[in-house]
């Protein structure tokens, strides 16, 4: 029997990955934190590229082109703990700043 849909059997993850866009991610890392700028906060840590997670259903990471520039404090909060980190407190982050995908240069529907 031929797999006409070219999809894995139900219950199995699709192992195909989208190509990374390293050039775009590097450009994002060169920018200032979009949240620090929008809310007049002082950026105390380097900028990282954050792939939006709000309203994402499933575990598949969004495209690199949707990534947004966040300082380490607003992203992971491992070293700069003076800010609300999206990966530590996603609901609080959203209440304070809105959905993360709304800051993307290339927003996609949630």
C-alpha atoms as a PDB file:
ATOM      1  CA  UNK A   1       0.000   0.000   0.000  1.00  0.00           C
ATOM      2  CA  UNK A   2       1.318   3.451  -0.904  1.00  0.00           C
ATOM      3  CA  UNK A   3       1.310   6.399   1.498  1.00  0.00           C
ATOM      4  CA  UNK A   4      -0.471   8.955  -0.702  1.00  0.00           C
ATOM      5  CA  UNK A   5      -0.568  11.650   1.992  1.00  0.00           C
ATOM      6  CA  UNK A   6       3.188  11.333   2.638  1.00  0.00           C
ATOM      7  CA  UNK A   7       2.519  11.599   6.371  1.00  0.00           C
ATOM      8  CA  UNK A   8       3.684   9.345   9.205  1.00  0.00           C
ATOM      9  CA  UNK A   9       1.188   6.917  10.740  1.00  0.00           C
ATOM     10  CA  UNK A  10      -1.095   8.438  13.369  1.00  0.00           C
ATOM     11  CA  UNK A  11       0.583   8.742  16.750  1.00  0.00           C
ATOM     12  CA  UNK A  12       4.092   9.110  15.333  1.00  0.00           C
ATOM     13  CA  UNK A  13       5.898  12.423  15.082  1.00  0.00           C
ATOM     14  CA  UNK A  14       6.929  13.806  11.748  1.00  0.00           C
ATOM     15  CA  UNK A  15      10.741  13.790  11.863  1.00  0.00           C
ATOM     16  CA  UNK A  16      11.162  16.256   9.008  1.00  0.00           C
ATOM     17  CA  UNK A  17      12.544  19.588  10.161  1.00  0.00           C
ATOM     18  CA  UNK A  18      12.265  22.956   8.554  1.00  0.00           C
ATOM     19  CA  UNK A  19      15.603  24.484   7.554  1.00  0.00           C
ATOM     20  CA  UNK A  20      17.092  26.912  10.048  1.00  0.00           C
ATOM     21  CA  UNK A  21      17.518  30.517   9.031  1.00  0.00           C
ATOM     22  CA  UNK A  22      20.756  31.308  10.869  1.00  0.00           C
ATOM     23  CA  UNK A  23      21.228  34.630   9.106  1.00  0.00           C
ATOM     24  CA  UNK A  24      17.859  35.910  10.311  1.00  0.00           C
ATOM     25  CA  UNK A  25      18.447  34.620  13.861  1.00  0.00           C
ATOM     26  CA  UNK A  26      21.807  36.409  13.974  1.00  0.00           C
ATOM     27  CA  UNK A  27      20.112  39.621  12.826  1.00  0.00           C
ATOM     28  CA  UNK A  28      17.571  39.223  15.647  1.00  0.00           C
ATOM     29  CA  UNK A  29      20.382  38.784  18.198  1.00  0.00           C
ATOM     30  CA  UNK A  30      21.931  42.083  17.037  1.00  0.00           C
ATOM     31  CA  UNK A  31      18.796  44.032  17.955  1.00  0.00           C
ATOM     32  CA  UNK A  32      17.808  45.402  21.346  1.00  0.00           C
ATOM     33  CA  UNK A  33      15.192  43.606  23.448  1.00  0.00           C
ATOM     34  CA  UNK A  34      11.807  44.486  22.028  1.00  0.00           C
ATOM     35  CA  UNK A  35      10.150  44.414  25.469  1.00  0.00           C
ATOM     36  CA  UNK A  36      12.776  46.608  27.144  1.00  0.00           C
ATOM     37  CA  UNK A  37      12.300  49.145  24.349  1.00  0.00           C
ATOM     38  CA  UNK A  38       8.500  49.028  24.330  1.00  0.00           C
ATOM     39  CA  UNK A  39       8.178  49.358  28.112  1.00  0.00           C
ATOM     40  CA  UNK A  40      11.167  51.682  28.736  1.00  0.00           C
ATOM     41  CA  UNK A  41      13.099  49.103  30.757  1.00  0.00           C
ATOM     42  CA  UNK A  42      16.890  49.002  30.993  1.00  0.00           C
ATOM     43  CA  UNK A  43      18.386  46.050  29.121  1.00  0.00           C
ATOM     44  CA  UNK A  44      20.909  44.383  31.443  1.00  0.00           C
ATOM     45  CA  UNK A  45      21.733  41.248  29.421  1.00  0.00           C
ATOM     46  CA  UNK A  46      22.487  40.200  25.830  1.00  0.00           C
ATOM     47  CA  UNK A  47      19.698  39.727  23.309  1.00  0.00           C
ATOM     48  CA  UNK A  48      18.606  36.221  22.354  1.00  0.00           C
ATOM     49  CA  UNK A  49      16.218  34.970  19.657  1.00  0.00           C
ATOM     50  CA  UNK A  50      12.895  33.755  21.058  1.00  0.00           C
ATOM     51  CA  UNK A  51      10.509  31.594  19.020  1.00  0.00           C
ATOM     52  CA  UNK A  52       6.936  32.533  20.028  1.00  0.00           C
ATOM     53  CA  UNK A  53       5.149  30.056  22.289  1.00  0.00           C
ATOM     54  CA  UNK A  54       1.829  31.736  23.144  1.00  0.00           C
ATOM     55  CA  UNK A  55      -1.193  30.058  21.561  1.00  0.00           C
ATOM     56  CA  UNK A  56       1.021  27.401  19.983  1.00  0.00           C
ATOM     57  CA  UNK A  57      -0.642  24.030  20.091  1.00  0.00           C
ATOM     58  CA  UNK A  58       1.682  21.051  20.060  1.00  0.00           C
ATOM     59  CA  UNK A  59       5.435  20.961  20.508  1.00  0.00           C
ATOM     60  CA  UNK A  60       6.578  22.049  17.068  1.00  0.00           C
ATOM     61  CA  UNK A  61       8.722  25.194  17.154  1.00  0.00           C
ATOM     62  CA  UNK A  62       7.548  28.085  15.005  1.00  0.00           C
ATOM     63  CA  UNK A  63       9.564  29.203  11.996  1.00  0.00           C
ATOM     64  CA  UNK A  64      12.797  31.115  12.615  1.00  0.00           C
ATOM     65  CA  UNK A  65      11.322  34.073  10.718  1.00  0.00           C
ATOM     66  CA  UNK A  66       8.806  34.573  13.538  1.00  0.00           C
ATOM     67  CA  UNK A  67      11.507  34.861  16.238  1.00  0.00           C
ATOM     68  CA  UNK A  68      11.648  38.038  18.316  1.00  0.00           C
ATOM     69  CA  UNK A  69      14.576  39.726  20.095  1.00  0.00           C
ATOM     70  CA  UNK A  70      14.400  39.312  23.872  1.00  0.00           C
ATOM     71  CA  UNK A  71      17.062  40.050  26.453  1.00  0.00           C
ATOM     72  CA  UNK A  72      18.076  37.075  28.551  1.00  0.00           C
ATOM     73  CA  UNK A  73      15.985  38.447  31.440  1.00  0.00           C
ATOM     74  CA  UNK A  74      12.758  38.509  29.429  1.00  0.00           C
ATOM     75  CA  UNK A  75      13.590  35.217  27.694  1.00  0.00           C
ATOM     76  CA  UNK A  76      15.018  32.575  30.072  1.00  0.00           C
ATOM     77  CA  UNK A  77      15.758  34.577  33.218  1.00  0.00           C
ATOM     78  CA  UNK A  78      18.701  32.417  34.242  1.00  0.00           C
ATOM     79  CA  UNK A  79      21.219  35.231  34.858  1.00  0.00           C
ATOM     80  CA  UNK A  80      19.148  38.401  34.725  1.00  0.00           C
ATOM     81  CA  UNK A  81      16.394  37.735  37.239  1.00  0.00           C
ATOM     82  CA  UNK A  82      15.254  41.358  37.443  1.00  0.00           C
ATOM     83  CA  UNK A  83      12.571  40.808  34.775  1.00  0.00           C
ATOM     84  CA  UNK A  84       9.678  38.454  34.094  1.00  0.00           C
ATOM     85  CA  UNK A  85      11.033  35.641  31.905  1.00  0.00           C
ATOM     86  CA  UNK A  86       8.641  34.175  29.347  1.00  0.00           C
ATOM     87  CA  UNK A  87       9.907  30.599  29.816  1.00  0.00           C
ATOM     88  CA  UNK A  88       9.591  30.812  33.614  1.00  0.00           C
ATOM     89  CA  UNK A  89       6.252  32.631  33.861  1.00  0.00           C
ATOM     90  CA  UNK A  90       4.486  32.549  30.470  1.00  0.00           C
ATOM     91  CA  UNK A  91       1.066  33.590  31.817  1.00  0.00           C
ATOM     92  CA  UNK A  92       2.409  36.496  33.847  1.00  0.00           C
ATOM     93  CA  UNK A  93       4.561  37.570  30.857  1.00  0.00           C
ATOM     94  CA  UNK A  94       1.482  37.562  28.621  1.00  0.00           C
ATOM     95  CA  UNK A  95      -0.580  39.515  31.182  1.00  0.00           C
ATOM     96  CA  UNK A  96       2.149  42.176  31.374  1.00  0.00           C
ATOM     97  CA  UNK A  97       3.270  42.399  27.741  1.00  0.00           C
ATOM     98  CA  UNK A  98       0.657  40.642  25.581  1.00  0.00           C
ATOM     99  CA  UNK A  99       1.122  37.594  23.329  1.00  0.00           C
ATOM    100  CA  UNK A 100       4.718  37.109  22.207  1.00  0.00           C
ATOM    101  CA  UNK A 101       3.831  36.465  18.556  1.00  0.00           C
ATOM    102  CA  UNK A 102       2.402  39.996  18.321  1.00  0.00           C
ATOM    103  CA  UNK A 103       5.978  41.388  18.431  1.00  0.00           C
ATOM    104  CA  UNK A 104       7.179  39.379  15.422  1.00  0.00           C
ATOM    105  CA  UNK A 105       8.222  41.054  12.170  1.00  0.00           C
ATOM    106  CA  UNK A 106       6.419  38.183  10.453  1.00  0.00           C
ATOM    107  CA  UNK A 107       3.416  37.404  12.688  1.00  0.00           C
ATOM    108  CA  UNK A 108       1.503  34.243  12.032  1.00  0.00           C
ATOM    109  CA  UNK A 109      -1.928  33.334  13.201  1.00  0.00           C
ATOM    110  CA  UNK A 110      -1.801  31.531  16.540  1.00  0.00           C
END
